[in-house]
Amino acid sequence: SFVFLTDDYVYKVKKSVNLGYLDYTTLDRRHFYCQREVELNRRLCPDTYLRVVPITQDKSNISIEGPGEVIEYAVKMRRLPQQAMMDGLLANNQVSSQMVASVAQKLAEFHQQAETNANISAFGNLDAITKNTAENFNQTEKYIGTTISQEKYQHIKNYTDSFIEKNTPLFHKRITDGRIRDCHGDLHAAHICFTNGICIYDCIEFNDRFRYCDVAAEVAFLAMDLDHYERADLSQSFVNAYVAQSRDEELLRLLNFYKCYFAYVRGK
């Protein structure tokens, strides 16, 4: 997206691109996904995502919500304070265990209320999971010897395949227990702001496949990111607080598997 900042507001305009996993090539599509972005992000950041606004052209004048022909759409947001972003706070050693526990509580409450149904739950079955993991390895095979050694590539692939094979009943149980939900889909530190409570923003709106997942995967994503910042202590505090709030102790059996998956995605 193109992002335009003012003192108080942010305007996000989607680029006319088709990347395979997202398609914004028509004005109608961009309008639809702007609306989806507002709708989905209001779940965890309701006061920030205001509305979708038209960008109009009247002769040579282009304006927001002005007269003339609609030539584009933008998501209008309240501007969040940069100094309150979790990634910046982590870099300055300003994140406490109490803060990550608060994030865990908000996330657990969100997951409990998040939508689930047969279509969403299908993304927790073995076909969907192996599709995702195989995609990782297929897309990176050509980089063996350049950015990853053959030994590391094979070690990670063997671990992944073995874990899925040995834990098939667990993956099935997660579906039965209703643990596959319409989640955030991109939960890392840069998308968390400690302002007027906690705002978790910029979820995936362009492809449902990236949001429909086991809640354990979502917890592992942020835990992995905290590990990346060399704050394993905060990562553990976050996981412990989530498990205590959700009473989902089974999640711990899946944590390293999903951490490994998302770390590999980041490596791509």
C-alpha atoms as a PDB file:
ATOM      1  CA  SER A   1       0.000   0.000   0.000  1.00  0.00           C
ATOM      2  CA  PHE A   2       0.828   3.668  -0.314  1.00  0.00           C
ATOM      3  CA  VAL A   3       0.624   5.196   3.171  1.00  0.00           C
ATOM      4  CA  PHE A   4      -0.002   8.925   3.609  1.00  0.00           C
ATOM      5  CA  LEU A   5       0.536  10.431   7.055  1.00  0.00           C
ATOM      6  CA  THR A   6      -0.997  13.598   8.472  1.00  0.00           C
ATOM      7  CA  ASP A   7      -0.709  14.888  12.033  1.00  0.00           C
ATOM      8  CA  ASP A   8      -3.807  12.998  13.185  1.00  0.00           C
ATOM      9  CA  TYR A   9      -4.761  10.530  10.452  1.00  0.00           C
ATOM     10  CA  VAL A  10      -3.335   7.858   8.159  1.00  0.00           C
ATOM     11  CA  TYR A  11      -4.641   7.119   4.670  1.00  0.00           C
ATOM     12  CA  LYS A  12      -3.774   3.728   3.159  1.00  0.00           C
ATOM     13  CA  VAL A  13      -4.207   3.307  -0.593  1.00  0.00           C
ATOM     14  CA  LYS A  14      -3.812  -0.156  -2.083  1.00  0.00           C
ATOM     15  CA  LYS A  15      -1.520  -0.549  -5.083  1.00  0.00           C
ATOM     16  CA  SER A  16      -2.906  -2.055  -8.291  1.00  0.00           C
ATOM     17  CA  VAL A  17      -0.911  -5.298  -8.107  1.00  0.00           C
ATOM     18  CA  ASN A  18      -1.440  -9.046  -8.407  1.00  0.00           C
ATOM     19  CA  LEU A  19       1.074 -11.013  -6.331  1.00  0.00           C
ATOM     20  CA  GLY A  20      -0.691 -14.349  -6.634  1.00  0.00           C
ATOM     21  CA  TYR A  21      -1.759 -14.494  -3.004  1.00  0.00           C
ATOM     22  CA  LEU A  22      -3.490 -11.102  -3.369  1.00  0.00           C
ATOM     23  CA  ASP A  23      -5.172  -9.356  -6.296  1.00  0.00           C
ATOM     24  CA  TYR A  24      -5.795  -5.607  -6.168  1.00  0.00           C
ATOM     25  CA  THR A  25      -5.884  -5.048  -9.921  1.00  0.00           C
ATOM     26  CA  THR A  26      -9.353  -3.474 -10.208  1.00  0.00           C
ATOM     27  CA  LEU A  27     -10.923  -0.524  -8.419  1.00  0.00           C
ATOM     28  CA  ASP A  28     -13.788  -2.737  -7.234  1.00  0.00           C
ATOM     29  CA  ARG A  29     -11.321  -5.195  -5.691  1.00  0.00           C
ATOM     30  CA  ARG A  30      -9.401  -2.435  -3.952  1.00  0.00           C
ATOM     31  CA  HIS A  31     -12.653  -1.007  -2.607  1.00  0.00           C
ATOM     32  CA  PHE A  32     -13.729  -4.429  -1.342  1.00  0.00           C
ATOM     33  CA  TYR A  33     -10.431  -5.114   0.427  1.00  0.00           C
ATOM     34  CA  CYS A  34     -10.377  -1.638   1.960  1.00  0.00           C
ATOM     35  CA  GLN A  35     -13.755  -2.442   3.488  1.00  0.00           C
ATOM     36  CA  ARG A  36     -12.477  -5.830   4.653  1.00  0.00           C
ATOM     37  CA  GLU A  37      -9.422  -4.189   6.213  1.00  0.00           C
ATOM     38  CA  VAL A  38     -11.599  -1.864   8.279  1.00  0.00           C
ATOM     39  CA  GLU A  39     -14.054  -4.597   9.258  1.00  0.00           C
ATOM     40  CA  LEU A  40     -11.447  -7.154  10.304  1.00  0.00           C
ATOM     41  CA  ASN A  41      -9.115  -4.759  12.106  1.00  0.00           C
ATOM     42  CA  ARG A  42     -11.897  -3.262  14.181  1.00  0.00           C
ATOM     43  CA  ARG A  43     -11.952  -6.581  16.046  1.00  0.00           C
ATOM     44  CA  LEU A  44      -8.669  -5.770  17.826  1.00  0.00           C
ATOM     45  CA  CYS A  45      -8.280  -2.046  17.199  1.00  0.00           C
ATOM     46  CA  PRO A  46     -11.819  -0.591  16.997  1.00  0.00           C
ATOM     47  CA  ASP A  47     -11.090   3.087  17.611  1.00  0.00           C
ATOM     48  CA  THR A  48      -8.289   3.349  15.053  1.00  0.00           C
ATOM     49  CA  TYR A  49      -9.938   2.099  11.867  1.00  0.00           C
ATOM     50  CA  LEU A  50     -12.451   4.819  11.008  1.00  0.00           C
ATOM     51  CA  ARG A  51     -13.870   4.120   7.551  1.00  0.00           C
ATOM     52  CA  VAL A  52     -13.201   3.746   3.842  1.00  0.00           C
ATOM     53  CA  VAL A  53     -13.080   7.085   2.018  1.00  0.00           C
ATOM     54  CA  PRO A  54     -13.226   7.820  -1.732  1.00  0.00           C
ATOM     55  CA  ILE A  55     -10.480   9.683  -3.538  1.00  0.00           C
ATOM     56  CA  THR A  56     -12.062  11.805  -6.257  1.00  0.00           C
ATOM     57  CA  GLN A  57     -10.991  13.811  -9.275  1.00  0.00           C
ATOM     58  CA  ASP A  58     -12.774  16.946 -10.474  1.00  0.00           C
ATOM     59  CA  LYS A  59     -11.014  18.248 -13.582  1.00  0.00           C
ATOM     60  CA  SER A  60      -7.390  18.607 -12.456  1.00  0.00           C
ATOM     61  CA  ASN A  61      -8.184  18.563  -8.725  1.00  0.00           C
ATOM     62  CA  ILE A  62      -7.758  15.343  -6.721  1.00  0.00           C
ATOM     63  CA  SER A  63      -9.162  15.253  -3.200  1.00  0.00           C
ATOM     64  CA  ILE A  64     -10.351  12.945  -0.447  1.00  0.00           C
ATOM     65  CA  GLU A  65     -14.143  12.777  -0.142  1.00  0.00           C
ATOM     66  CA  GLY A  66     -14.431  15.629  -2.622  1.00  0.00           C
ATOM     67  CA  PRO A  67     -16.552  16.232  -5.750  1.00  0.00           C
ATOM     68  CA  GLY A  68     -16.078  14.454  -9.039  1.00  0.00           C
ATOM     69  CA  GLU A  69     -15.330  10.922 -10.212  1.00  0.00           C
ATOM     70  CA  VAL A  70     -14.149   8.291  -7.727  1.00  0.00           C
ATOM     71  CA  ILE A  71     -10.702   7.205  -8.916  1.00  0.00           C
ATOM     72  CA  GLU A  72      -9.497   5.336  -5.819  1.00  0.00           C
ATOM     73  CA  TYR A  73     -10.318   4.396  -2.215  1.00  0.00           C
ATOM     74  CA  ALA A  74      -8.375   4.691   1.013  1.00  0.00           C
ATOM     75  CA  VAL A  75      -8.613   3.282   4.519  1.00  0.00           C
ATOM     76  CA  LYS A  76      -8.775   6.193   6.957  1.00  0.00           C
ATOM     77  CA  MET A  77      -7.203   5.529  10.362  1.00  0.00           C
ATOM     78  CA  ARG A  78      -6.340   7.483  13.441  1.00  0.00           C
ATOM     79  CA  ARG A  79      -2.578   7.867  13.609  1.00  0.00           C
ATOM     80  CA  LEU A  80      -1.033   5.733  16.335  1.00  0.00           C
ATOM     81  CA  PRO A  81       1.921   7.076  18.346  1.00  0.00           C
ATOM     82  CA  GLN A  82       5.161   5.721  16.903  1.00  0.00           C
ATOM     83  CA  GLN A  83       6.858   5.814  20.289  1.00  0.00           C
ATOM     84  CA  ALA A  84       4.299   3.336  21.652  1.00  0.00           C
ATOM     85  CA  MET A  85       4.942   0.605  19.069  1.00  0.00           C
ATOM     86  CA  MET A  86       6.113  -2.663  20.573  1.00  0.00           C
ATOM     87  CA  ASP A  87       9.017  -3.173  18.165  1.00  0.00           C
ATOM     88  CA  GLY A  88      10.491   0.205  19.071  1.00  0.00           C
ATOM     89  CA  LEU A  89       9.917  -0.382  22.757  1.00  0.00           C
ATOM     90  CA  LEU A  90      11.665  -3.754  22.516  1.00  0.00           C
ATOM     91  CA  ALA A  91      14.682  -2.144  20.866  1.00  0.00           C
ATOM     92  CA  ASN A  92      14.899   0.277  23.797  1.00  0.00           C
ATOM     93  CA  ASN A  93      14.335  -2.396  26.454  1.00  0.00           C
ATOM     94  CA  GLN A  94      11.021  -0.830  27.495  1.00  0.00           C
ATOM     95  CA  VAL A  95       8.738  -3.871  27.355  1.00  0.00           C
ATOM     96  CA  SER A  96       7.918  -5.632  30.613  1.00  0.00           C
ATOM     97  CA  SER A  97       6.500  -9.055  31.385  1.00  0.00           C
ATOM     98  CA  GLN A  98       3.317  -7.318  32.571  1.00  0.00           C
ATOM     99  CA  MET A  99       2.943  -5.692  29.159  1.00  0.00           C
ATOM    100  CA  VAL A 100       3.231  -8.951  27.232  1.00  0.00           C
ATOM    101  CA  ALA A 101       0.837 -10.580  29.721  1.00  0.00           C
ATOM    102  CA  SER A 102      -1.688  -7.865  28.863  1.00  0.00           C
ATOM    103  CA  VAL A 103      -1.239  -8.636  25.174  1.00  0.00           C
ATOM    104  CA  ALA A 104      -1.783 -12.324  25.940  1.00  0.00           C
ATOM    105  CA  GLN A 105      -5.005 -11.584  27.804  1.00  0.00           C
ATOM    106  CA  LYS A 106      -6.360  -9.459  24.958  1.00  0.00           C
ATOM    107  CA  LEU A 107      -5.418 -12.113  22.426  1.00  0.00           C
ATOM    108  CA  ALA A 108      -6.972 -14.967  24.421  1.00  0.00           C
ATOM    109  CA  GLU A 109     -10.230 -13.042  24.757  1.00  0.00           C
ATOM    110  CA  PHE A 110     -10.167 -12.284  21.026  1.00  0.00           C
ATOM    111  CA  HIS A 111      -9.563 -15.923  20.102  1.00  0.00           C
ATOM    112  CA  GLN A 112     -12.403 -17.067  22.324  1.00  0.00           C
ATOM    113  CA  GLN A 113     -14.822 -14.832  20.431  1.00  0.00           C
ATOM    114  CA  ALA A 114     -13.288 -15.215  16.964  1.00  0.00           C
ATOM    115  CA  GLU A 115     -15.384 -16.899  14.308  1.00  0.00           C
ATOM    116  CA  THR A 116     -15.066 -20.598  13.597  1.00  0.00           C
ATOM    117  CA  ASN A 117     -17.087 -22.912  11.369  1.00  0.00           C
ATOM    118  CA  ALA A 118     -16.567 -25.945   9.154  1.00  0.00           C
ATOM    119  CA  ASN A 119     -14.883 -23.905   6.421  1.00  0.00           C
ATOM    120  CA  ILE A 120     -12.469 -22.234   8.845  1.00  0.00           C
ATOM    121  CA  SER A 121     -11.768 -25.502  10.682  1.00  0.00           C
ATOM    122  CA  ALA A 122     -10.745 -27.131   7.403  1.00  0.00           C
ATOM    123  CA  PHE A 123      -7.607 -25.003   7.473  1.00  0.00           C
ATOM    124  CA  GLY A 124      -6.469 -27.016  10.484  1.00  0.00           C
ATOM    125  CA  ASN A 125      -6.520 -30.366   8.692  1.00  0.00           C
ATOM    126  CA  LEU A 126      -3.368 -32.150   7.591  1.00  0.00           C
ATOM    127  CA  ASP A 127      -3.795 -31.292   3.910  1.00  0.00           C
ATOM    128  CA  ALA A 128      -3.828 -27.571   4.680  1.00  0.00           C
ATOM    129  CA  ILE A 129      -0.914 -27.775   7.107  1.00  0.00           C
ATOM    130  CA  THR A 130       1.285 -29.853   4.804  1.00  0.00           C
ATOM    131  CA  LYS A 131       0.433 -27.497   1.921  1.00  0.00           C
ATOM    132  CA  ASN A 132       1.799 -24.598   3.961  1.00  0.00           C
ATOM    133  CA  THR A 133       4.947 -26.369   5.106  1.00  0.00           C
ATOM    134  CA  ALA A 134       5.665 -27.854   1.676  1.00  0.00           C
ATOM    135  CA  GLU A 135       5.321 -24.381   0.168  1.00  0.00           C
ATOM    136  CA  ASN A 136       8.114 -23.190   2.462  1.00  0.00           C
ATOM    137  CA  PHE A 137      10.523 -25.860   1.291  1.00  0.00           C
ATOM    138  CA  ASN A 138       9.540 -25.770  -2.382  1.00  0.00           C
ATOM    139  CA  GLN A 139      10.045 -22.012  -2.540  1.00  0.00           C
ATOM    140  CA  THR A 140      13.461 -22.119  -0.874  1.00  0.00           C
ATOM    141  CA  GLU A 141      15.007 -25.224  -2.444  1.00  0.00           C
ATOM    142  CA  LYS A 142      16.704 -23.093  -5.107  1.00  0.00           C
ATOM    143  CA  TYR A 143      18.519 -21.123  -2.382  1.00  0.00           C
ATOM    144  CA  ILE A 144      20.286 -24.154  -0.886  1.00  0.00           C
ATOM    145  CA  GLY A 145      23.965 -23.328  -0.802  1.00  0.00           C
ATOM    146  CA  THR A 146      23.258 -19.595  -1.061  1.00  0.00           C
ATOM    147  CA  THR A 147      21.224 -18.537   1.958  1.00  0.00           C
ATOM    148  CA  ILE A 148      20.743 -21.899   3.646  1.00  0.00           C
ATOM    149  CA  SER A 149      22.963 -24.959   3.757  1.00  0.00           C
ATOM    150  CA  GLN A 150      21.803 -28.356   2.560  1.00  0.00           C
ATOM    151  CA  GLU A 151      22.272 -29.671   6.096  1.00  0.00           C
ATOM    152  CA  LYS A 152      20.084 -27.019   7.722  1.00  0.00           C
ATOM    153  CA  TYR A 153      17.445 -27.247   5.009  1.00  0.00           C
ATOM    154  CA  GLN A 154      17.189 -31.020   5.387  1.00  0.00           C
ATOM    155  CA  HIS A 155      17.233 -30.856   9.197  1.00  0.00           C
ATOM    156  CA  ILE A 156      14.310 -28.399   9.306  1.00  0.00           C
ATOM    157  CA  LYS A 157      12.371 -30.325   6.662  1.00  0.00           C
ATOM    158  CA  ASN A 158      12.886 -33.645   8.457  1.00  0.00           C
ATOM    159  CA  TYR A 159      11.781 -32.138  11.774  1.00  0.00           C
ATOM    160  CA  THR A 160       8.670 -30.635  10.180  1.00  0.00           C
ATOM    161  CA  ASP A 161       7.609 -33.787   8.333  1.00  0.00           C
ATOM    162  CA  SER A 162       8.313 -35.990  11.345  1.00  0.00           C
ATOM    163  CA  PHE A 163       6.348 -33.771  13.728  1.00  0.00           C
ATOM    164  CA  ILE A 164       3.278 -33.803  11.484  1.00  0.00           C
ATOM    165  CA  GLU A 165       3.451 -37.583  11.082  1.00  0.00           C
ATOM    166  CA  LYS A 166       3.853 -38.242  14.806  1.00  0.00           C
ATOM    167  CA  ASN A 167       1.181 -35.769  15.912  1.00  0.00           C
ATOM    168  CA  THR A 168      -1.632 -36.449  13.448  1.00  0.00           C
ATOM    169  CA  PRO A 169      -4.157 -37.196  16.247  1.00  0.00           C
ATOM    170  CA  LEU A 170      -3.259 -33.887  17.933  1.00  0.00           C
ATOM    171  CA  PHE A 171      -3.968 -31.872  14.785  1.00  0.00           C
ATOM    172  CA  HIS A 172      -7.326 -33.641  14.442  1.00  0.00           C
ATOM    173  CA  LYS A 173      -8.150 -32.947  18.087  1.00  0.00           C
ATOM    174  CA  ARG A 174      -7.443 -29.235  17.642  1.00  0.00           C
ATOM    175  CA  ILE A 175     -10.149 -29.145  14.966  1.00  0.00           C
ATOM    176  CA  THR A 176     -12.619 -31.060  17.133  1.00  0.00           C
ATOM    177  CA  ASP A 177     -11.943 -28.735  20.071  1.00  0.00           C
ATOM    178  CA  GLY A 178     -12.683 -25.640  17.977  1.00  0.00           C
ATOM    179  CA  ARG A 179      -9.135 -24.248  18.117  1.00  0.00           C
ATOM    180  CA  ILE A 180      -9.050 -23.226  14.436  1.00  0.00           C
ATOM    181  CA  ARG A 181     -10.283 -19.635  14.317  1.00  0.00           C
ATOM    182  CA  ASP A 182     -10.425 -16.518  12.155  1.00  0.00           C
ATOM    183  CA  CYS A 183      -7.319 -14.975  13.695  1.00  0.00           C
ATOM    184  CA  HIS A 184      -5.171 -11.895  13.044  1.00  0.00           C
ATOM    185  CA  GLY A 185      -2.725 -13.662  10.752  1.00  0.00           C
ATOM    186  CA  ASP A 186       0.289 -11.361  11.057  1.00  0.00           C
ATOM    187  CA  LEU A 187       0.890 -10.980  14.771  1.00  0.00           C
ATOM    188  CA  HIS A 188       4.360  -9.583  15.309  1.00  0.00           C
ATOM    189  CA  ALA A 189       5.688  -6.806  17.506  1.00  0.00           C
ATOM    190  CA  ALA A 190       5.462  -4.061  14.869  1.00  0.00           C
ATOM    191  CA  HIS A 191       1.672  -4.514  14.799  1.00  0.00           C
ATOM    192  CA  ILE A 192       1.126  -3.921  18.521  1.00  0.00           C
ATOM    193  CA  CYS A 193       0.737  -0.451  20.005  1.00  0.00           C
ATOM    194  CA  PHE A 194       0.457   0.311  23.714  1.00  0.00           C
ATOM    195  CA  THR A 195      -1.891   3.292  23.596  1.00  0.00           C
ATOM    196  CA  ASN A 196      -5.283   3.698  25.273  1.00  0.00           C
ATOM    197  CA  GLY A 197      -5.086   0.045  26.150  1.00  0.00           C
ATOM    198  CA  ILE A 198      -3.562  -2.215  23.503  1.00  0.00           C
ATOM    199  CA  CYS A 199      -4.141  -1.843  19.776  1.00  0.00           C
ATOM    200  CA  ILE A 200      -3.277  -4.859  17.613  1.00  0.00           C
ATOM    201  CA  TYR A 201      -3.585  -3.686  14.032  1.00  0.00           C
ATOM    202  CA  ASP A 202      -2.819  -4.478  10.369  1.00  0.00           C
ATOM    203  CA  CYS A 203      -4.240  -8.004  10.225  1.00  0.00           C
ATOM    204  CA  ILE A 204      -4.331  -9.966   6.975  1.00  0.00           C
ATOM    205  CA  GLU A 205      -7.374  -8.957   4.944  1.00  0.00           C
ATOM    206  CA  PHE A 206      -6.310  -9.980   1.439  1.00  0.00           C
ATOM    207  CA  ASN A 207      -6.308 -13.779   1.828  1.00  0.00           C
ATOM    208  CA  ASP A 208      -8.426 -15.700   4.340  1.00  0.00           C
ATOM    209  CA  ARG A 209      -6.000 -18.637   4.193  1.00  0.00           C
ATOM    210  CA  PHE A 210      -3.421 -16.624   6.143  1.00  0.00           C
ATOM    211  CA  ARG A 211      -5.877 -15.791   8.957  1.00  0.00           C
ATOM    212  CA  TYR A 212      -7.657 -19.115   9.360  1.00  0.00           C
ATOM    213  CA  CYS A 213      -5.354 -21.055  11.656  1.00  0.00           C
ATOM    214  CA  ASP A 214      -4.889 -22.764  14.987  1.00  0.00           C
ATOM    215  CA  VAL A 215      -4.726 -20.237  17.814  1.00  0.00           C
ATOM    216  CA  ALA A 216      -1.483 -21.998  18.764  1.00  0.00           C
ATOM    217  CA  ALA A 217       0.028 -20.815  15.488  1.00  0.00           C
ATOM    218  CA  GLU A 218      -0.895 -17.206  16.252  1.00  0.00           C
ATOM    219  CA  VAL A 219       0.632 -17.399  19.728  1.00  0.00           C
ATOM    220  CA  ALA A 220       3.766 -18.997  18.257  1.00  0.00           C
ATOM    221  CA  PHE A 221       4.122 -16.179  15.712  1.00  0.00           C
ATOM    222  CA  LEU A 222       4.508 -13.486  18.376  1.00  0.00           C
ATOM    223  CA  ALA A 223       6.553 -15.776  20.631  1.00  0.00           C
ATOM    224  CA  MET A 224       8.933 -16.372  17.716  1.00  0.00           C
ATOM    225  CA  ASP A 225       9.182 -12.626  17.096  1.00  0.00           C
ATOM    226  CA  LEU A 226      10.022 -11.964  20.735  1.00  0.00           C
ATOM    227  CA  ASP A 227      12.709 -14.643  20.478  1.00  0.00           C
ATOM    228  CA  HIS A 228      14.010 -12.796  17.400  1.00  0.00           C
ATOM    229  CA  TYR A 229      14.438  -9.690  19.547  1.00  0.00           C
ATOM    230  CA  GLU A 230      16.504 -11.853  21.908  1.00  0.00           C
ATOM    231  CA  ARG A 231      13.835 -11.632  24.593  1.00  0.00           C
ATOM    232  CA  ALA A 232      13.160 -15.292  25.279  1.00  0.00           C
ATOM    233  CA  ASP A 233      12.086 -14.236  28.767  1.00  0.00           C
ATOM    234  CA  LEU A 234       9.265 -12.096  27.373  1.00  0.00           C
ATOM    235  CA  SER A 235       8.383 -14.809  24.883  1.00  0.00           C
ATOM    236  CA  GLN A 236       7.947 -17.292  27.733  1.00  0.00           C
ATOM    237  CA  SER A 237       5.990 -14.791  29.835  1.00  0.00           C
ATOM    238  CA  PHE A 238       3.661 -14.158  26.906  1.00  0.00           C
ATOM    239  CA  VAL A 239       3.047 -17.873  26.302  1.00  0.00           C
ATOM    240  CA  ASN A 240       2.536 -18.603  29.998  1.00  0.00           C
ATOM    241  CA  ALA A 241       0.036 -15.759  30.337  1.00  0.00           C
ATOM    242  CA  TYR A 242      -1.877 -16.891  27.256  1.00  0.00           C
ATOM    243  CA  VAL A 243      -2.090 -20.489  28.478  1.00  0.00           C
ATOM    244  CA  ALA A 244      -3.234 -19.325  31.926  1.00  0.00           C
ATOM    245  CA  GLN A 245      -5.942 -17.110  30.389  1.00  0.00           C
ATOM    246  CA  SER A 246      -7.133 -19.583  27.750  1.00  0.00           C
ATOM    247  CA  ARG A 247      -6.504 -22.814  29.687  1.00  0.00           C
ATOM    248  CA  ASP A 248      -5.161 -24.228  26.430  1.00  0.00           C
ATOM    249  CA  GLU A 249      -2.223 -26.203  27.827  1.00  0.00           C
ATOM    250  CA  GLU A 250      -2.257 -28.437  24.761  1.00  0.00           C
ATOM    251  CA  LEU A 251      -0.959 -25.443  22.814  1.00  0.00           C
ATOM    252  CA  LEU A 252       2.475 -26.026  24.349  1.00  0.00           C
ATOM    253  CA  ARG A 253       2.862 -29.259  22.397  1.00  0.00           C
ATOM    254  CA  LEU A 254       2.539 -27.315  19.128  1.00  0.00           C
ATOM    255  CA  LEU A 255       4.493 -24.203  20.039  1.00  0.00           C
ATOM    256  CA  ASN A 256       7.922 -25.142  18.693  1.00  0.00           C
ATOM    257  CA  PHE A 257       6.464 -26.603  15.508  1.00  0.00           C
ATOM    258  CA  TYR A 258       4.693 -23.351  14.655  1.00  0.00           C
ATOM    259  CA  LYS A 259       7.638 -21.227  15.819  1.00  0.00           C
ATOM    260  CA  CYS A 260       9.817 -23.151  13.391  1.00  0.00           C
ATOM    261  CA  TYR A 261       7.275 -22.681  10.586  1.00  0.00           C
ATOM    262  CA  PHE A 262       6.997 -18.907  11.031  1.00  0.00           C
ATOM    263  CA  ALA A 263      10.731 -18.457  11.492  1.00  0.00           C
ATOM    264  CA  TYR A 264      11.194 -20.209   8.160  1.00  0.00           C
ATOM    265  CA  VAL A 265       8.554 -17.975   6.548  1.00  0.00           C
ATOM    266  CA  ARG A 266      10.471 -14.952   7.810  1.00  0.00           C
ATOM    267  CA  GLY A 267      13.681 -16.438   6.445  1.00  0.00           C
ATOM    268  CA  LYS A 268      12.159 -16.564   2.964  1.00  0.00           C
END
